[in-house]
Amino acid sequence: MSRSRQALMADLQATLTQAVADAILVQQAAADRVGLPLADFKCLTALLEQGSATAGELMRRTGLTSGAVTRMVDRLERAGWVRRTHDTVDRRRVIVEPVAARLAEIEPLFAGMATGWNTALADYDEAQLHLLLDLFRRMRALAREQAAVIRAGQG
């Protein structure tokens, strides 16, 4: 690998690392704005992405223990952010569903980011956008994989 390629890859890695840190700052600011701890807010963003989830799925997405997920869902339910429903096939299984009216409170907080992303991405052609999408999908998979490795005490 050439020295310039190594330097470019190091710069890209450092920039991606800082972008993740900056994204956490945005998430924290939004969580503070709606009066939620960051972990609870992350649960809501997972539900925004998935639509609904079991407690086990939330455990995997958040990295929290079953007890911590139960307490988090309790807090979110009391505050009106989520509701619990029973699975229609297995009544013992509980599904956590977001409350759409409450989630609508979060969306405006990210309007500036959405506008900024659209502006930033406007300069890229379709092939470059596909490349970026592939990169971010790979980075998300890598991040989830590495979080599991670290939690298992292997990292």
C-alpha atoms as a PDB file:
ATOM      1  CA  MET A   1       0.000   0.000   0.000  1.00  0.00           C
ATOM      2  CA  SER A   2       1.415   3.394  -0.962  1.00  0.00           C
ATOM      3  CA  ARG A   3       2.206   5.967   1.671  1.00  0.00           C
ATOM      4  CA  SER A   4      -0.355   8.401   0.270  1.00  0.00           C
ATOM      5  CA  ARG A   5      -3.050   5.689   0.371  1.00  0.00           C
ATOM      6  CA  GLN A   6      -2.111   4.875   3.979  1.00  0.00           C
ATOM      7  CA  ALA A   7      -2.324   8.560   4.900  1.00  0.00           C
ATOM      8  CA  LEU A   8      -5.687   8.895   3.133  1.00  0.00           C
ATOM      9  CA  MET A   9      -7.080   5.819   4.882  1.00  0.00           C
ATOM     10  CA  ALA A  10      -5.827   7.082   8.264  1.00  0.00           C
ATOM     11  CA  ASP A  11      -7.452  10.464   7.593  1.00  0.00           C
ATOM     12  CA  LEU A  12     -10.708   8.786   6.560  1.00  0.00           C
ATOM     13  CA  GLN A  13     -10.715   6.595   9.672  1.00  0.00           C
ATOM     14  CA  ALA A  14     -10.051   9.588  11.928  1.00  0.00           C
ATOM     15  CA  THR A  15     -12.777  11.599  10.205  1.00  0.00           C
ATOM     16  CA  LEU A  16     -15.292   8.750  10.503  1.00  0.00           C
ATOM     17  CA  THR A  17     -14.433   8.344  14.189  1.00  0.00           C
ATOM     18  CA  GLN A  18     -15.007  12.051  14.762  1.00  0.00           C
ATOM     19  CA  ALA A  19     -18.238  11.964  12.734  1.00  0.00           C
ATOM     20  CA  VAL A  20     -19.539   9.248  15.058  1.00  0.00           C
ATOM     21  CA  ALA A  21     -18.563  11.325  18.097  1.00  0.00           C
ATOM     22  CA  ASP A  22     -20.284  14.371  16.592  1.00  0.00           C
ATOM     23  CA  ALA A  23     -23.407  12.305  15.876  1.00  0.00           C
ATOM     24  CA  ILE A  24     -23.478  11.269  19.539  1.00  0.00           C
ATOM     25  CA  LEU A  25     -23.400  14.961  20.491  1.00  0.00           C
ATOM     26  CA  VAL A  26     -26.435  15.583  18.269  1.00  0.00           C
ATOM     27  CA  GLN A  27     -28.238  12.601  19.791  1.00  0.00           C
ATOM     28  CA  GLN A  28     -27.397  13.814  23.311  1.00  0.00           C
ATOM     29  CA  ALA A  29     -28.676  17.309  22.514  1.00  0.00           C
ATOM     30  CA  ALA A  30     -31.942  15.862  21.166  1.00  0.00           C
ATOM     31  CA  ALA A  31     -32.290  13.553  24.174  1.00  0.00           C
ATOM     32  CA  ASP A  32     -31.720  16.489  26.526  1.00  0.00           C
ATOM     33  CA  ARG A  33     -34.306  18.537  24.624  1.00  0.00           C
ATOM     34  CA  VAL A  34     -37.049  15.928  25.167  1.00  0.00           C
ATOM     35  CA  GLY A  35     -35.901  15.129  28.706  1.00  0.00           C
ATOM     36  CA  LEU A  36     -34.650  11.580  28.172  1.00  0.00           C
ATOM     37  CA  PRO A  37     -31.418   9.837  29.113  1.00  0.00           C
ATOM     38  CA  LEU A  38     -29.331   9.036  26.044  1.00  0.00           C
ATOM     39  CA  ALA A  39     -29.868   5.254  26.380  1.00  0.00           C
ATOM     40  CA  ASP A  40     -33.643   5.760  26.399  1.00  0.00           C
ATOM     41  CA  PHE A  41     -33.403   8.060  23.403  1.00  0.00           C
ATOM     42  CA  LYS A  42     -31.298   5.476  21.549  1.00  0.00           C
ATOM     43  CA  CYS A  43     -34.027   2.921  22.248  1.00  0.00           C
ATOM     44  CA  LEU A  44     -36.520   5.273  20.594  1.00  0.00           C
ATOM     45  CA  THR A  45     -34.285   5.711  17.557  1.00  0.00           C
ATOM     46  CA  ALA A  46     -34.008   1.925  17.291  1.00  0.00           C
ATOM     47  CA  LEU A  47     -37.798   1.732  17.376  1.00  0.00           C
ATOM     48  CA  LEU A  48     -38.016   4.473  14.741  1.00  0.00           C
ATOM     49  CA  GLU A  49     -35.853   2.312  12.496  1.00  0.00           C
ATOM     50  CA  GLN A  50     -37.578  -0.999  13.252  1.00  0.00           C
ATOM     51  CA  GLY A  51     -41.116   0.103  14.036  1.00  0.00           C
ATOM     52  CA  SER A  52     -41.399  -2.216  17.032  1.00  0.00           C
ATOM     53  CA  ALA A  53     -39.223  -4.709  18.866  1.00  0.00           C
ATOM     54  CA  THR A  54     -39.210  -7.332  21.566  1.00  0.00           C
ATOM     55  CA  ALA A  55     -37.240  -6.740  24.752  1.00  0.00           C
ATOM     56  CA  GLY A  56     -34.631  -9.194  23.460  1.00  0.00           C
ATOM     57  CA  GLU A  57     -34.218  -7.237  20.246  1.00  0.00           C
ATOM     58  CA  LEU A  58     -33.813  -4.041  22.261  1.00  0.00           C
ATOM     59  CA  MET A  59     -31.184  -5.780  24.393  1.00  0.00           C
ATOM     60  CA  ARG A  60     -29.212  -6.619  21.258  1.00  0.00           C
ATOM     61  CA  ARG A  61     -29.622  -3.118  19.796  1.00  0.00           C
ATOM     62  CA  THR A  62     -28.715  -1.239  22.977  1.00  0.00           C
ATOM     63  CA  GLY A  63     -26.304  -3.648  24.648  1.00  0.00           C
ATOM     64  CA  LEU A  64     -28.251  -3.365  27.900  1.00  0.00           C
ATOM     65  CA  THR A  65     -29.105  -6.262  30.206  1.00  0.00           C
ATOM     66  CA  SER A  66     -32.657  -7.614  30.340  1.00  0.00           C
ATOM     67  CA  GLY A  67     -33.278  -5.856  33.657  1.00  0.00           C
ATOM     68  CA  ALA A  68     -31.995  -2.544  32.318  1.00  0.00           C
ATOM     69  CA  VAL A  69     -34.149  -2.880  29.190  1.00  0.00           C
ATOM     70  CA  THR A  70     -37.203  -3.620  31.336  1.00  0.00           C
ATOM     71  CA  ARG A  71     -36.569  -0.513  33.467  1.00  0.00           C
ATOM     72  CA  MET A  72     -35.960   1.581  30.336  1.00  0.00           C
ATOM     73  CA  VAL A  73     -39.190   0.393  28.705  1.00  0.00           C
ATOM     74  CA  ASP A  74     -41.019   1.065  31.996  1.00  0.00           C
ATOM     75  CA  ARG A  75     -39.732   4.675  31.978  1.00  0.00           C
ATOM     76  CA  LEU A  76     -40.587   5.182  28.307  1.00  0.00           C
ATOM     77  CA  GLU A  77     -44.048   3.695  28.779  1.00  0.00           C
ATOM     78  CA  ARG A  78     -44.780   5.899  31.821  1.00  0.00           C
ATOM     79  CA  ALA A  79     -43.708   8.955  29.805  1.00  0.00           C
ATOM     80  CA  GLY A  80     -45.956   7.928  26.899  1.00  0.00           C
ATOM     81  CA  TRP A  81     -43.188   7.215  24.373  1.00  0.00           C
ATOM     82  CA  VAL A  82     -43.920   3.491  23.935  1.00  0.00           C
ATOM     83  CA  ARG A  83     -46.613   0.933  24.674  1.00  0.00           C
ATOM     84  CA  ARG A  84     -46.386  -2.774  25.283  1.00  0.00           C
ATOM     85  CA  THR A  85     -48.542  -5.149  23.281  1.00  0.00           C
ATOM     86  CA  HIS A  86     -48.700  -8.928  23.227  1.00  0.00           C
ATOM     87  CA  ASP A  87     -47.578 -10.895  20.218  1.00  0.00           C
ATOM     88  CA  THR A  88     -50.628 -12.266  18.408  1.00  0.00           C
ATOM     89  CA  VAL A  89     -48.942 -15.651  17.930  1.00  0.00           C
ATOM     90  CA  ASP A  90     -47.226 -16.052  21.307  1.00  0.00           C
ATOM     91  CA  ARG A  91     -49.130 -14.130  23.995  1.00  0.00           C
ATOM     92  CA  ARG A  92     -46.177 -14.500  26.411  1.00  0.00           C
ATOM     93  CA  ARG A  93     -44.028 -12.420  24.096  1.00  0.00           C
ATOM     94  CA  VAL A  94     -44.250  -8.666  24.588  1.00  0.00           C
ATOM     95  CA  ILE A  95     -43.731  -6.231  21.731  1.00  0.00           C
ATOM     96  CA  VAL A  96     -42.586  -2.671  22.434  1.00  0.00           C
ATOM     97  CA  GLU A  97     -44.170  -0.211  20.006  1.00  0.00           C
ATOM     98  CA  PRO A  98     -43.388   3.493  19.701  1.00  0.00           C
ATOM     99  CA  VAL A  99     -46.238   5.966  20.162  1.00  0.00           C
ATOM    100  CA  ALA A 100     -46.359   7.858  16.876  1.00  0.00           C
ATOM    101  CA  ALA A 101     -47.640  11.109  18.365  1.00  0.00           C
ATOM    102  CA  ARG A 102     -44.706  11.264  20.781  1.00  0.00           C
ATOM    103  CA  LEU A 103     -42.158  10.314  18.128  1.00  0.00           C
ATOM    104  CA  ALA A 104     -43.446  13.228  16.059  1.00  0.00           C
ATOM    105  CA  GLU A 105     -41.884  15.438  18.756  1.00  0.00           C
ATOM    106  CA  ILE A 106     -38.436  14.119  17.860  1.00  0.00           C
ATOM    107  CA  GLU A 107     -38.548  14.511  14.082  1.00  0.00           C
ATOM    108  CA  PRO A 108     -38.329  18.349  14.057  1.00  0.00           C
ATOM    109  CA  LEU A 109     -35.147  18.152  16.131  1.00  0.00           C
ATOM    110  CA  PHE A 110     -33.414  16.484  13.195  1.00  0.00           C
ATOM    111  CA  ALA A 111     -34.814  18.728  10.448  1.00  0.00           C
ATOM    112  CA  GLY A 112     -31.628  20.810  10.364  1.00  0.00           C
ATOM    113  CA  MET A 113     -29.512  17.667  10.014  1.00  0.00           C
ATOM    114  CA  ALA A 114     -31.724  16.389   7.197  1.00  0.00           C
ATOM    115  CA  THR A 115     -31.432  19.687   5.345  1.00  0.00           C
ATOM    116  CA  GLY A 116     -27.683  19.746   5.903  1.00  0.00           C
ATOM    117  CA  TRP A 117     -27.290  16.166   4.685  1.00  0.00           C
ATOM    118  CA  ASN A 118     -29.296  16.931   1.543  1.00  0.00           C
ATOM    119  CA  THR A 119     -27.106  19.957   0.857  1.00  0.00           C
ATOM    120  CA  ALA A 120     -23.888  18.020   1.480  1.00  0.00           C
ATOM    121  CA  LEU A 121     -24.979  15.053  -0.668  1.00  0.00           C
ATOM    122  CA  ALA A 122     -26.281  17.179  -3.550  1.00  0.00           C
ATOM    123  CA  ASP A 123     -22.782  17.392  -5.053  1.00  0.00           C
ATOM    124  CA  TYR A 124     -22.471  13.613  -5.449  1.00  0.00           C
ATOM    125  CA  ASP A 125     -23.703  11.677  -8.448  1.00  0.00           C
ATOM    126  CA  GLU A 126     -25.793   8.519  -8.142  1.00  0.00           C
ATOM    127  CA  ALA A 127     -22.793   6.159  -8.346  1.00  0.00           C
ATOM    128  CA  GLN A 128     -21.016   8.077  -5.574  1.00  0.00           C
ATOM    129  CA  LEU A 129     -24.156   7.991  -3.421  1.00  0.00           C
ATOM    130  CA  HIS A 130     -24.317   4.201  -3.850  1.00  0.00           C
ATOM    131  CA  LEU A 131     -20.664   4.022  -2.800  1.00  0.00           C
ATOM    132  CA  LEU A 132     -21.349   6.121   0.300  1.00  0.00           C
ATOM    133  CA  LEU A 133     -24.390   4.024   1.160  1.00  0.00           C
ATOM    134  CA  ASP A 134     -22.308   0.869   0.880  1.00  0.00           C
ATOM    135  CA  LEU A 135     -19.588   2.401   3.067  1.00  0.00           C
ATOM    136  CA  PHE A 136     -22.023   3.433   5.800  1.00  0.00           C
ATOM    137  CA  ARG A 137     -23.777   0.060   5.765  1.00  0.00           C
ATOM    138  CA  ARG A 138     -20.407  -1.632   6.182  1.00  0.00           C
ATOM    139  CA  MET A 139     -19.409   0.754   8.969  1.00  0.00           C
ATOM    140  CA  ARG A 140     -22.681   0.100  10.823  1.00  0.00           C
ATOM    141  CA  ALA A 141     -22.187  -3.664  10.583  1.00  0.00           C
ATOM    142  CA  LEU A 142     -18.600  -3.305  11.754  1.00  0.00           C
ATOM    143  CA  ALA A 143     -19.639  -1.111  14.678  1.00  0.00           C
ATOM    144  CA  ARG A 144     -22.282  -3.614  15.831  1.00  0.00           C
ATOM    145  CA  GLU A 145     -19.785  -6.458  15.487  1.00  0.00           C
ATOM    146  CA  GLN A 146     -17.086  -4.640  17.445  1.00  0.00           C
ATOM    147  CA  ALA A 147     -19.536  -3.614  20.179  1.00  0.00           C
ATOM    148  CA  ALA A 148     -20.368  -7.306  20.652  1.00  0.00           C
ATOM    149  CA  VAL A 149     -16.664  -8.208  20.774  1.00  0.00           C
ATOM    150  CA  ILE A 150     -15.968  -5.511  23.370  1.00  0.00           C
ATOM    151  CA  ARG A 151     -18.977  -6.523  25.489  1.00  0.00           C
ATOM    152  CA  ALA A 152     -17.797 -10.135  25.402  1.00  0.00           C
ATOM    153  CA  GLY A 153     -14.467  -8.986  26.839  1.00  0.00           C
ATOM    154  CA  GLN A 154     -12.530  -9.958  23.744  1.00  0.00           C
ATOM    155  CA  GLY A 155     -11.527  -6.477  22.621  1.00  0.00           C
END
